[in-house]
PDB file of all heavy atoms in Angstrom:
ATOM      1  N   GLU A   1     -88.244 -23.045 -76.596  1.00  0.00           N
ATOM      2  CA  GLU A   1     -87.106 -23.430 -77.444  1.00  0.00           C
ATOM      3  C   GLU A   1     -86.885 -22.436 -78.568  1.00  0.00           C
ATOM      4  O   GLU A   1     -85.741 -22.086 -78.889  1.00  0.00           O
ATOM      5  CB  GLU A   1     -87.332 -24.826 -78.024  1.00  0.00           C
ATOM      6  CG  GLU A   1     -86.824 -25.967 -77.171  1.00  0.00           C
ATOM      7  CD  GLU A   1     -86.785 -27.267 -77.937  1.00  0.00           C
ATOM      8  OE1 GLU A   1     -87.850 -27.870 -78.101  1.00  0.00           O
ATOM      9  OE2 GLU A   1     -85.692 -27.665 -78.376  1.00  0.00           O
ATOM     10  N   GLU A   2     -87.971 -21.983 -79.201  1.00  0.00           N
ATOM     11  CA  GLU A   2     -87.846 -21.037 -80.309  1.00  0.00           C
ATOM     12  C   GLU A   2     -87.279 -19.711 -79.843  1.00  0.00           C
ATOM     13  O   GLU A   2     -86.417 -19.116 -80.508  1.00  0.00           O
ATOM     14  CB  GLU A   2     -89.217 -20.830 -80.971  1.00  0.00           C
ATOM     15  CG  GLU A   2     -89.687 -22.016 -81.786  1.00  0.00           C
ATOM     16  CD  GLU A   2     -91.106 -21.846 -82.286  1.00  0.00           C
ATOM     17  OE1 GLU A   2     -91.866 -21.061 -81.683  1.00  0.00           O
ATOM     18  OE2 GLU A   2     -91.461 -22.497 -83.288  1.00  0.00           O
ATOM     19  N   PHE A   3     -87.761 -19.225 -78.696  1.00  0.00           N
ATOM     20  CA  PHE A   3     -87.252 -17.950 -78.188  1.00  0.00           C
ATOM     21  C   PHE A   3     -85.784 -18.077 -77.790  1.00  0.00           C
ATOM     22  O   PHE A   3     -84.979 -17.177 -78.052  1.00  0.00           O
ATOM     23  CB  PHE A   3     -88.079 -17.467 -76.999  1.00  0.00           C
ATOM     24  CG  PHE A   3     -87.808 -16.037 -76.627  1.00  0.00           C
ATOM     25  CD1 PHE A   3     -88.491 -15.008 -77.248  1.00  0.00           C
ATOM     26  CD2 PHE A   3     -86.845 -15.716 -75.686  1.00  0.00           C
ATOM     27  CE1 PHE A   3     -88.225 -13.677 -76.924  1.00  0.00           C
ATOM     28  CE2 PHE A   3     -86.576 -14.392 -75.346  1.00  0.00           C
ATOM     29  CZ  PHE A   3     -87.272 -13.372 -75.967  1.00  0.00           C
ATOM     30  N   ASP A   4     -85.427 -19.195 -77.163  1.00  0.00           N
ATOM     31  CA  ASP A   4     -84.029 -19.415 -76.774  1.00  0.00           C
ATOM     32  C   ASP A   4     -83.119 -19.481 -77.995  1.00  0.00           C
ATOM     33  O   ASP A   4     -81.982 -19.006 -77.969  1.00  0.00           O
ATOM     34  CB  ASP A   4     -83.897 -20.695 -75.946  1.00  0.00           C
ATOM     35  CG  ASP A   4     -84.526 -20.558 -74.562  1.00  0.00           C
ATOM     36  OD1 ASP A   4     -84.798 -19.420 -74.147  1.00  0.00           O
ATOM     37  OD2 ASP A   4     -84.735 -21.597 -73.905  1.00  0.00           O
ATOM     38  N   TYR A   5     -83.620 -20.082 -79.074  1.00  0.00           N
ATOM     39  CA  TYR A   5     -82.868 -20.178 -80.329  1.00  0.00           C
ATOM     40  C   TYR A   5     -82.610 -18.780 -80.886  1.00  0.00           C
ATOM     41  O   TYR A   5     -81.489 -18.440 -81.278  1.00  0.00           O
ATOM     42  CB  TYR A   5     -83.657 -21.017 -81.335  1.00  0.00           C
ATOM     43  CG  TYR A   5     -82.932 -21.333 -82.630  1.00  0.00           C
ATOM     44  CD1 TYR A   5     -82.265 -22.540 -82.798  1.00  0.00           C
ATOM     45  CD2 TYR A   5     -82.937 -20.424 -83.691  1.00  0.00           C
ATOM     46  CE1 TYR A   5     -81.622 -22.850 -83.996  1.00  0.00           C
ATOM     47  CE2 TYR A   5     -82.294 -20.717 -84.886  1.00  0.00           C
ATOM     48  CZ  TYR A   5     -81.637 -21.932 -85.033  1.00  0.00           C
ATOM     49  OH  TYR A   5     -80.990 -22.224 -86.218  1.00  0.00           O
ATOM     50  N   LEU A   6     -83.674 -17.956 -80.901  1.00  0.00           N
ATOM     51  CA  LEU A   6     -83.542 -16.579 -81.374  1.00  0.00           C
ATOM     52  C   LEU A   6     -82.594 -15.790 -80.489  1.00  0.00           C
ATOM     53  O   LEU A   6     -81.705 -15.073 -80.976  1.00  0.00           O
ATOM     54  CB  LEU A   6     -84.915 -15.906 -81.399  1.00  0.00           C
ATOM     55  CG  LEU A   6     -84.961 -14.408 -81.722  1.00  0.00           C
ATOM     56  CD1 LEU A   6     -84.431 -14.145 -83.122  1.00  0.00           C
ATOM     57  CD2 LEU A   6     -86.395 -13.870 -81.578  1.00  0.00           C
ATOM     58  N   ALA A   7     -82.754 -15.925 -79.164  1.00  0.00           N
ATOM     59  CA  ALA A   7     -81.929 -15.170 -78.222  1.00  0.00           C
ATOM     60  C   ALA A   7     -80.458 -15.556 -78.344  1.00  0.00           C
ATOM     61  O   ALA A   7     -79.567 -14.704 -78.258  1.00  0.00           O
ATOM     62  CB  ALA A   7     -82.419 -15.412 -76.799  1.00  0.00           C
ATOM     63  N   LYS A   8     -80.201 -16.842 -78.544  1.00  0.00           N
ATOM     64  CA  LYS A   8     -78.823 -17.311 -78.673  1.00  0.00           C
ATOM     65  C   LYS A   8     -78.142 -16.677 -79.889  1.00  0.00           C
ATOM     66  O   LYS A   8     -76.982 -16.262 -79.826  1.00  0.00           O
ATOM     67  CB  LYS A   8     -78.795 -18.836 -78.796  1.00  0.00           C
ATOM     68  CG  LYS A   8     -77.401 -19.432 -78.862  1.00  0.00           C
ATOM     69  CD  LYS A   8     -77.464 -20.950 -78.980  1.00  0.00           C
ATOM     70  CE  LYS A   8     -76.070 -21.554 -79.103  1.00  0.00           C
ATOM     71  NZ  LYS A   8     -76.128 -23.030 -79.251  1.00  0.00           N
ATOM     72  N   ASP A   9     -78.893 -16.589 -80.994  1.00  0.00           N
ATOM     73  CA  ASP A   9     -78.345 -15.961 -82.197  1.00  0.00           C
ATOM     74  C   ASP A   9     -78.118 -14.468 -81.983  1.00  0.00           C
ATOM     75  O   ASP A   9     -77.076 -13.917 -82.371  1.00  0.00           O
ATOM     76  CB  ASP A   9     -79.292 -16.167 -83.380  1.00  0.00           C
ATOM     77  CG  ASP A   9     -79.119 -17.524 -84.038  1.00  0.00           C
ATOM     78  OD1 ASP A   9     -78.191 -18.261 -83.636  1.00  0.00           O
ATOM     79  OD2 ASP A   9     -79.907 -17.863 -84.935  1.00  0.00           O
ATOM     80  N   LEU A  10     -79.093 -13.804 -81.362  1.00  0.00           N
ATOM     81  CA  LEU A  10     -78.987 -12.368 -81.157  1.00  0.00           C
ATOM     82  C   LEU A  10     -77.867 -12.005 -80.185  1.00  0.00           C
ATOM     83  O   LEU A  10     -77.234 -10.957 -80.325  1.00  0.00           O
ATOM     84  CB  LEU A  10     -80.315 -11.803 -80.650  1.00  0.00           C
ATOM     85  CG  LEU A  10     -81.477 -11.807 -81.642  1.00  0.00           C
ATOM     86  CD1 LEU A  10     -82.738 -11.255 -80.989  1.00  0.00           C
ATOM     87  CD2 LEU A  10     -81.137 -11.006 -82.892  1.00  0.00           C
ATOM     88  N   LYS A  11     -77.613 -12.882 -79.217  1.00  0.00           N
ATOM     89  CA  LYS A  11     -76.566 -12.592 -78.237  1.00  0.00           C
ATOM     90  C   LYS A  11     -75.205 -12.408 -78.909  1.00  0.00           C
ATOM     91  O   LYS A  11     -74.361 -11.630 -78.444  1.00  0.00           O
ATOM     92  CB  LYS A  11     -76.491 -13.716 -77.205  1.00  0.00           C
ATOM     93  CG  LYS A  11     -75.499 -13.412 -76.071  1.00  0.00           C
ATOM     94  CD  LYS A  11     -75.383 -14.556 -75.079  1.00  0.00           C
ATOM     95  CE  LYS A  11     -74.382 -14.221 -73.973  1.00  0.00           C
ATOM     96  NZ  LYS A  11     -74.189 -15.352 -73.034  1.00  0.00           N
ATOM     97  N   LEU A  12     -75.004 -13.109 -80.029  1.00  0.00           N
ATOM     98  CA  LEU A  12     -73.722 -13.024 -80.737  1.00  0.00           C
ATOM     99  C   LEU A  12     -73.459 -11.622 -81.280  1.00  0.00           C
ATOM    100  O   LEU A  12     -72.298 -11.242 -81.490  1.00  0.00           O
ATOM    101  CB  LEU A  12     -73.697 -14.037 -81.894  1.00  0.00           C
ATOM    102  CG  LEU A  12     -73.797 -15.514 -81.512  1.00  0.00           C
ATOM    103  CD1 LEU A  12     -73.920 -16.373 -82.768  1.00  0.00           C
ATOM    104  CD2 LEU A  12     -72.588 -15.948 -80.683  1.00  0.00           C
ATOM    105  N   ILE A  13     -74.534 -10.852 -81.505  1.00  0.00           N
ATOM    106  CA  ILE A  13     -74.359  -9.528 -82.117  1.00  0.00           C
ATOM    107  C   ILE A  13     -74.925  -8.408 -81.246  1.00  0.00           C
ATOM    108  O   ILE A  13     -74.945  -7.250 -81.665  1.00  0.00           O
ATOM    109  CB  ILE A  13     -75.018  -9.468 -83.514  1.00  0.00           C
ATOM    110  CG1 ILE A  13     -76.503  -9.837 -83.440  1.00  0.00           C
ATOM    111  CG2 ILE A  13     -74.292 -10.394 -84.489  1.00  0.00           C
ATOM    112  CD1 ILE A  13     -77.236  -9.660 -84.760  1.00  0.00           C
ATOM    113  N   LEU A  14     -75.358  -8.740 -80.032  1.00  0.00           N
ATOM    114  CA  LEU A  14     -75.934  -7.723 -79.156  1.00  0.00           C
ATOM    115  C   LEU A  14     -74.890  -6.718 -78.695  1.00  0.00           C
ATOM    116  O   LEU A  14     -73.779  -7.082 -78.339  1.00  0.00           O
ATOM    117  CB  LEU A  14     -76.561  -8.364 -77.917  1.00  0.00           C
ATOM    118  CG  LEU A  14     -77.997  -8.882 -78.011  1.00  0.00           C
ATOM    119  CD1 LEU A  14     -78.468  -9.333 -76.629  1.00  0.00           C
ATOM    120  CD2 LEU A  14     -78.939  -7.817 -78.532  1.00  0.00           C
ATOM    121  N   ASP A  15     -75.265  -5.467 -78.676  1.00  0.00           N
ATOM    122  CA  ASP A  15     -74.475  -4.406 -78.074  1.00  0.00           C
ATOM    123  C   ASP A  15     -75.284  -3.903 -76.883  1.00  0.00           C
ATOM    124  O   ASP A  15     -76.410  -3.415 -77.064  1.00  0.00           O
ATOM    125  CB  ASP A  15     -74.245  -3.277 -79.081  1.00  0.00           C
ATOM    126  CG  ASP A  15     -73.300  -2.209 -78.559  1.00  0.00           C
ATOM    127  OD1 ASP A  15     -73.449  -1.830 -77.369  1.00  0.00           O
ATOM    128  OD2 ASP A  15     -72.458  -1.725 -79.321  1.00  0.00           O
ATOM    129  N   PRO A  16     -74.774  -4.013 -75.655  1.00  0.00           N
ATOM    130  CA  PRO A  16     -75.543  -3.637 -74.464  1.00  0.00           C
ATOM    131  C   PRO A  16     -76.084  -2.207 -74.499  1.00  0.00           C
ATOM    132  O   PRO A  16     -77.099  -1.920 -73.859  1.00  0.00           O
ATOM    133  CB  PRO A  16     -74.536  -3.815 -73.327  1.00  0.00           C
ATOM    134  CG  PRO A  16     -73.539  -4.806 -73.835  1.00  0.00           C
ATOM    135  CD  PRO A  16     -73.444  -4.536 -75.305  1.00  0.00           C
ATOM    136  N   GLU A  17     -75.421  -1.312 -75.230  1.00  0.00           N
ATOM    137  CA  GLU A  17     -75.901   0.067 -75.318  1.00  0.00           C
ATOM    138  C   GLU A  17     -77.256   0.154 -76.008  1.00  0.00           C
ATOM    139  O   GLU A  17     -77.986   1.132 -75.853  1.00  0.00           O
ATOM    140  CB  GLU A  17     -74.889   0.932 -76.082  1.00  0.00           C
ATOM    141  CG  GLU A  17     -73.537   1.056 -75.405  1.00  0.00           C
ATOM    142  CD  GLU A  17     -73.615   1.827 -74.092  1.00  0.00           C
ATOM    143  OE1 GLU A  17     -74.460   2.741 -73.999  1.00  0.00           O
ATOM    144  OE2 GLU A  17     -72.858   1.489 -73.167  1.00  0.00           O
ATOM    145  N   PHE A  18     -77.595  -0.880 -76.782  1.00  0.00           N
ATOM    146  CA  PHE A  18     -78.826  -0.860 -77.560  1.00  0.00           C
ATOM    147  C   PHE A  18     -79.783  -1.984 -77.165  1.00  0.00           C
ATOM    148  O   PHE A  18     -80.734  -2.274 -77.899  1.00  0.00           O
ATOM    149  CB  PHE A  18     -78.504  -0.964 -79.057  1.00  0.00           C
ATOM    150  CG  PHE A  18     -77.581   0.120 -79.543  1.00  0.00           C
ATOM    151  CD1 PHE A  18     -76.352  -0.195 -80.103  1.00  0.00           C
ATOM    152  CD2 PHE A  18     -77.932   1.454 -79.444  1.00  0.00           C
ATOM    153  CE1 PHE A  18     -75.492   0.801 -80.548  1.00  0.00           C
ATOM    154  CE2 PHE A  18     -77.089   2.457 -79.886  1.00  0.00           C
ATOM    155  CZ  PHE A  18     -75.861   2.132 -80.443  1.00  0.00           C
ATOM    156  N   ALA A  19     -79.538  -2.637 -76.034  1.00  0.00           N
ATOM    157  CA  ALA A  19     -80.414  -3.701 -75.543  1.00  0.00           C
ATOM    158  C   ALA A  19     -80.875  -3.317 -74.144  1.00  0.00           C
ATOM    159  O   ALA A  19     -80.136  -3.464 -73.167  1.00  0.00           O
ATOM    160  CB  ALA A  19     -79.676  -5.036 -75.525  1.00  0.00           C
ATOM    161  N   LEU A  20     -82.089  -2.787 -74.039  1.00  0.00           N
ATOM    162  CA  LEU A  20     -82.564  -2.175 -72.803  1.00  0.00           C
ATOM    163  C   LEU A  20     -83.847  -2.839 -72.308  1.00  0.00           C
ATOM    164  O   LEU A  20     -84.661  -3.317 -73.111  1.00  0.00           O
ATOM    165  CB  LEU A  20     -82.840  -0.690 -73.030  1.00  0.00           C
ATOM    166  CG  LEU A  20     -81.707   0.135 -73.658  1.00  0.00           C
ATOM    167  CD1 LEU A  20     -82.212   1.530 -74.016  1.00  0.00           C
ATOM    168  CD2 LEU A  20     -80.518   0.227 -72.721  1.00  0.00           C
ATOM    169  N   VAL A  21     -84.014  -2.853 -70.988  1.00  0.00           N
ATOM    170  CA  VAL A  21     -85.252  -3.353 -70.396  1.00  0.00           C
ATOM    171  C   VAL A  21     -85.783  -2.330 -69.396  1.00  0.00           C
ATOM    172  O   VAL A  21     -85.028  -1.550 -68.815  1.00  0.00           O
ATOM    173  CB  VAL A  21     -85.053  -4.712 -69.689  1.00  0.00           C
ATOM    174  CG1 VAL A  21     -84.569  -5.767 -70.668  1.00  0.00           C
ATOM    175  CG2 VAL A  21     -84.097  -4.589 -68.520  1.00  0.00           C
ATOM    176  N   ALA A  22     -87.098  -2.335 -69.216  1.00  0.00           N
ATOM    177  CA  ALA A  22     -87.746  -1.575 -68.149  1.00  0.00           C
ATOM    178  C   ALA A  22     -88.188  -2.586 -67.102  1.00  0.00           C
ATOM    179  O   ALA A  22     -88.832  -3.585 -67.432  1.00  0.00           O
ATOM    180  CB  ALA A  22     -88.941  -0.799 -68.691  1.00  0.00           C
ATOM    181  N   GLU A  23     -87.844  -2.312 -65.858  1.00  0.00           N
ATOM    182  CA  GLU A  23     -88.057  -3.287 -64.791  1.00  0.00           C
ATOM    183  C   GLU A  23     -88.752  -2.625 -63.600  1.00  0.00           C
ATOM    184  O   GLU A  23     -88.392  -1.521 -63.200  1.00  0.00           O
ATOM    185  CB  GLU A  23     -86.706  -3.869 -64.370  1.00  0.00           C
ATOM    186  CG  GLU A  23     -86.774  -5.070 -63.460  1.00  0.00           C
ATOM    187  CD  GLU A  23     -85.376  -5.651 -63.244  1.00  0.00           C
ATOM    188  OE1 GLU A  23     -84.490  -4.906 -62.770  1.00  0.00           O
ATOM    189  OE2 GLU A  23     -85.163  -6.827 -63.562  1.00  0.00           O
ATOM    190  N   GLN A  24     -89.742  -3.306 -63.068  1.00  0.00           N
ATOM    191  CA  GLN A  24     -90.425  -2.829 -61.860  1.00  0.00           C
ATOM    192  C   GLN A  24     -90.339  -3.913 -60.782  1.00  0.00           C
ATOM    193  O   GLN A  24     -90.873  -5.010 -60.950  1.00  0.00           O
ATOM    194  CB  GLN A  24     -91.896  -2.500 -62.137  1.00  0.00           C
ATOM    195  CG  GLN A  24     -92.628  -1.938 -60.915  1.00  0.00           C
ATOM    196  CD  GLN A  24     -94.112  -1.752 -61.171  1.00  0.00           C
ATOM    197  OE1 GLN A  24     -94.799  -2.688 -61.561  1.00  0.00           O
ATOM    198  NE2 GLN A  24     -94.608  -0.526 -60.957  1.00  0.00           N
ATOM    199  N   ASP A  25     -89.651  -3.595 -59.705  1.00  0.00           N
ATOM    200  CA  ASP A  25     -89.506  -4.533 -58.581  1.00  0.00           C
ATOM    201  C   ASP A  25     -89.047  -5.917 -59.054  1.00  0.00           C
ATOM    202  O   ASP A  25     -89.574  -6.949 -58.628  1.00  0.00           O
ATOM    203  CB  ASP A  25     -90.838  -4.657 -57.829  1.00  0.00           C
ATOM    204  CG  ASP A  25     -91.303  -3.314 -57.268  1.00  0.00           C
ATOM    205  OD1 ASP A  25     -90.437  -2.517 -56.857  1.00  0.00           O
ATOM    206  OD2 ASP A  25     -92.517  -3.070 -57.260  1.00  0.00           O
ATOM    207  N   GLY A  26     -88.067  -5.923 -59.955  1.00  0.00           N
ATOM    208  CA  GLY A  26     -87.500  -7.181 -60.420  1.00  0.00           C
ATOM    209  C   GLY A  26     -88.244  -7.830 -61.571  1.00  0.00           C
ATOM    210  O   GLY A  26     -87.791  -8.838 -62.121  1.00  0.00           O
TER     211      GLY A  26
END
């Protein structure tokens, strides 16, 4: 719940150019 709360707030101001993930086989 806490992480979802944080993520929901951050989504409002996220710019995809600066939100990156490293992924291996999904």
